[in-house]
Amino acid sequence: MKNTSSILFFGLCPLIPAVTHFAEGCIFACEFWLLFLTALLCNKYIKQTKYASFSLGIEYICMLIVAAMYHTVLRVIFPLAAFQLTFYLYISAVSYLTALIITQRQDAKGEQYTALLYSILLPVIGLIRELCAFGSVSFAVPSGFFRLQLFSTASFLRFFGSNAGAFILLGIGLWLFRSFQNRELLPFQE
């Protein structure tokens, strides 16, 4: 798939309900890099063995193991955040975007910056959502989230804290990304 904005959209859809706060976006960005590096290392070493034909399956198994270990570490350090994100931490290990980025990296034909954009986009979506809905920035702490209240928000902006509001913000963000990528700001482009 050549359309980077579509790749990002389909990759982010499963995680949108979970990224309500900046802290959650940072947790997912860290997990993504762990999964990405695990898959790259697995691929590098599996290709040298006689089991190279099973490399994608072995990579997924390794990524699920790393996701389980990451979840275990989170349960020790940030128990409340780990409890809230358990389901999504495992979904991100087998998400479409992770597999596609790994495949692009292997082929060396894909756009190499997709992994970087994805890891930046998760905390940014969480930050924008939290600022719009609550007027605060949160950080994970063992007892939950430490929230810095920056300003009070109008009640109509709280809509962006919902999942529907997040999809609207994501759509606007992808439109801006695609417009800047094509160096033009048009509302609709085929």
Protein backbone atom coordinates (compact mmCIF):
# COMPACT_ATOMS: atom_id res chain seq x y z
CA MET A 1 0.00 0.00 0.00
CA LYS A 2 1.58 3.25 -1.11
CA ASN A 3 -0.73 5.70 0.63
CA THR A 4 1.00 6.51 3.92
CA SER A 5 -2.04 8.28 5.37
CA SER A 6 -4.17 5.15 4.83
CA ILE A 7 -1.50 3.02 6.48
CA LEU A 8 -1.45 5.31 9.50
CA PHE A 9 -5.25 5.44 9.68
CA PHE A 10 -5.73 1.67 9.60
CA GLY A 11 -2.86 1.20 12.03
CA LEU A 12 -4.20 3.72 14.52
CA CYS A 13 -7.87 2.68 14.45
CA PRO A 14 -7.53 -0.14 17.01
CA LEU A 15 -5.65 2.12 19.42
CA ILE A 16 -7.82 5.26 19.20
CA PRO A 17 -10.15 4.23 22.07
CA ALA A 18 -7.14 3.66 24.34
CA VAL A 19 -5.20 6.87 23.68
CA THR A 20 -7.22 9.39 25.66
CA HIS A 21 -4.29 10.87 27.54
CA PHE A 22 -0.74 11.86 26.67
CA ALA A 23 0.61 9.24 29.10
CA GLU A 24 -1.19 6.44 27.27
CA GLY A 25 0.20 7.61 23.94
CA CYS A 26 3.72 7.52 25.40
CA ILE A 27 3.15 3.99 26.74
CA PHE A 28 2.07 2.81 23.29
CA ALA A 29 4.96 4.59 21.55
CA CYS A 30 7.44 2.79 23.83
CA GLU A 31 5.72 -0.53 23.19
CA PHE A 32 5.74 0.06 19.46
CA TRP A 33 9.52 0.60 19.39
CA LEU A 34 10.06 -2.52 21.51
CA LEU A 35 7.91 -4.54 19.10
CA PHE A 36 9.55 -3.03 16.04
CA LEU A 37 13.07 -3.75 17.29
CA THR A 38 12.06 -7.27 18.35
CA ALA A 39 10.69 -8.02 14.90
CA LEU A 40 13.81 -6.65 13.21
CA LEU A 41 16.11 -8.72 15.42
CA CYS A 42 14.02 -11.86 14.95
CA ASN A 43 13.98 -11.37 11.22
CA LYS A 44 17.72 -10.82 11.08
CA TYR A 45 18.51 -14.02 12.95
CA ILE A 46 15.73 -16.22 11.56
CA LYS A 47 16.76 -15.51 7.96
CA GLN A 48 20.09 -17.15 8.73
CA THR A 49 18.50 -20.41 9.87
CA LYS A 50 16.70 -23.19 8.05
CA TYR A 51 13.38 -21.86 9.43
CA ALA A 52 13.37 -18.72 7.26
CA SER A 53 10.04 -19.68 5.66
CA PHE A 54 8.38 -19.36 9.09
CA SER A 55 9.93 -15.96 9.83
CA LEU A 56 6.68 -13.94 9.92
CA GLY A 57 5.01 -16.40 12.30
CA ILE A 58 8.06 -16.50 14.55
CA GLU A 59 8.22 -12.69 14.53
CA TYR A 60 4.60 -12.48 15.69
CA ILE A 61 5.25 -15.00 18.46
CA CYS A 62 8.31 -13.02 19.58
CA MET A 63 6.33 -9.75 19.47
CA LEU A 64 3.55 -11.29 21.59
CA ILE A 65 6.15 -12.48 24.11
CA VAL A 66 7.67 -8.98 24.23
CA ALA A 67 4.18 -7.47 24.64
CA ALA A 68 3.54 -9.83 27.56
CA MET A 69 6.86 -8.89 29.16
CA TYR A 70 6.17 -5.16 28.59
CA HIS A 71 2.73 -5.58 30.17
CA THR A 72 4.32 -7.33 33.16
CA VAL A 73 6.83 -4.50 33.63
CA LEU A 74 4.00 -1.95 33.34
CA ARG A 75 1.98 -3.84 35.96
CA VAL A 76 4.88 -3.40 38.38
CA ILE A 77 5.68 0.24 37.57
CA PHE A 78 2.26 1.64 36.56
CA PRO A 79 -0.38 -0.88 37.73
CA LEU A 80 -3.46 1.23 37.00
CA ALA A 81 -2.33 2.19 33.49
CA ALA A 82 -1.40 -1.44 32.76
CA PHE A 83 -4.83 -2.60 33.92
CA GLN A 84 -6.61 -0.09 31.67
CA LEU A 85 -4.49 -0.86 28.60
CA THR A 86 -4.09 -4.65 28.87
CA PHE A 87 -6.24 -5.54 25.87
CA TYR A 88 -4.76 -2.84 23.64
CA LEU A 89 -1.15 -3.70 24.50
CA TYR A 90 -1.69 -7.16 23.00
CA ILE A 91 -3.68 -5.87 20.02
CA SER A 92 -0.85 -3.53 19.05
CA ALA A 93 1.54 -6.50 18.96
CA VAL A 94 -0.38 -8.06 16.08
CA SER A 95 -1.73 -4.91 14.45
CA TYR A 96 -1.79 -4.39 10.73
CA LEU A 97 0.53 -1.39 10.86
CA THR A 98 3.26 -3.15 12.81
CA ALA A 99 3.34 -6.02 10.31
CA LEU A 100 3.29 -3.64 7.35
CA ILE A 101 6.13 -1.51 8.69
CA ILE A 102 8.21 -4.63 9.26
CA THR A 103 7.47 -5.86 5.75
CA GLN A 104 8.39 -2.46 4.29
CA ARG A 105 11.61 -2.45 6.26
CA GLN A 106 12.48 -5.92 4.97
CA ASP A 107 11.77 -5.02 1.37
CA ALA A 108 13.63 -1.69 1.70
CA LYS A 109 11.13 -0.32 -0.80
CA GLY A 110 8.72 1.16 1.71
CA GLU A 111 8.82 4.59 3.22
CA GLN A 112 11.19 4.33 6.16
CA TYR A 113 9.68 7.21 8.11
CA THR A 114 6.33 5.46 8.70
CA ALA A 115 7.62 3.88 11.93
CA LEU A 116 8.80 7.23 13.21
CA LEU A 117 5.51 8.94 12.31
CA TYR A 118 3.51 6.23 14.01
CA SER A 119 5.48 6.45 17.24
CA ILE A 120 5.15 10.25 17.28
CA LEU A 121 1.49 10.28 16.26
CA LEU A 122 0.27 8.21 19.23
CA PRO A 123 1.45 10.63 21.96
CA VAL A 124 0.45 13.63 19.84
CA ILE A 125 -3.10 12.30 19.43
CA GLY A 126 -3.28 11.64 23.17
CA LEU A 127 -1.97 15.15 23.94
CA ILE A 128 -4.36 16.90 21.56
CA ARG A 129 -7.28 14.84 22.81
CA GLU A 130 -6.46 15.54 26.43
CA LEU A 131 -5.87 19.26 25.87
CA CYS A 132 -9.11 19.67 23.91
CA ALA A 133 -11.26 17.61 26.25
CA PHE A 134 -9.79 18.28 29.68
CA GLY A 135 -7.29 21.14 29.33
CA SER A 136 -4.59 19.10 31.01
CA VAL A 137 -1.51 16.97 30.37
CA SER A 138 -1.12 13.68 32.20
CA PHE A 139 1.83 11.49 33.07
CA ALA A 140 1.74 7.90 34.27
CA VAL A 141 2.50 7.33 37.95
CA PRO A 142 2.06 4.16 40.04
CA SER A 143 -1.28 5.32 41.44
CA GLY A 144 -2.77 6.22 38.05
CA PHE A 145 -2.11 9.48 36.25
CA PHE A 146 -0.56 12.71 37.44
CA ARG A 147 -2.52 15.44 35.71
CA LEU A 148 -1.30 18.99 35.19
CA GLN A 149 -4.33 21.23 34.68
CA LEU A 150 -3.28 23.91 32.18
CA PHE A 151 -6.62 25.59 31.49
CA SER A 152 -10.33 24.91 31.75
CA THR A 153 -12.09 23.82 28.61
CA ALA A 154 -15.47 24.72 27.21
CA SER A 155 -18.06 21.96 27.50
CA PHE A 156 -18.42 21.55 23.70
CA LEU A 157 -14.70 20.71 23.44
CA ARG A 158 -15.15 17.69 25.71
CA PHE A 159 -16.52 15.91 22.65
CA PHE A 160 -12.93 15.44 21.47
CA GLY A 161 -12.28 13.28 24.53
CA SER A 162 -14.74 10.74 23.15
CA ASN A 163 -13.84 8.10 20.58
CA ALA A 164 -15.88 9.82 17.88
CA GLY A 165 -14.07 13.10 18.56
CA ALA A 166 -10.74 11.31 18.34
CA PHE A 167 -11.61 9.92 14.92
CA ILE A 168 -12.52 13.42 13.76
CA LEU A 169 -9.19 14.75 15.09
CA LEU A 170 -7.41 11.85 13.39
CA GLY A 171 -9.17 12.62 10.11
CA ILE A 172 -8.19 16.28 10.29
CA GLY A 173 -4.62 15.31 11.15
CA LEU A 174 -4.40 12.86 8.27
CA TRP A 175 -5.87 15.43 5.89
CA LEU A 176 -3.20 17.93 6.98
CA PHE A 177 -0.48 15.29 6.69
CA ARG A 178 -1.60 14.32 3.20
CA SER A 179 -1.97 17.94 2.15
CA PHE A 180 1.53 18.84 3.30
CA GLN A 181 2.87 15.65 1.75
CA ASN A 182 1.40 16.71 -1.60
CA ARG A 183 2.31 20.37 -0.92
CA GLU A 184 -1.22 21.60 -1.32
CA LEU A 185 -4.14 22.17 1.02
CA LEU A 186 -7.21 20.80 -0.69
CA PRO A 187 -10.17 19.38 1.24
CA PHE A 188 -10.66 16.44 -1.13
CA GLN A 189 -8.10 14.81 -3.35
CA GLU A 190 -8.22 11.53 -5.21
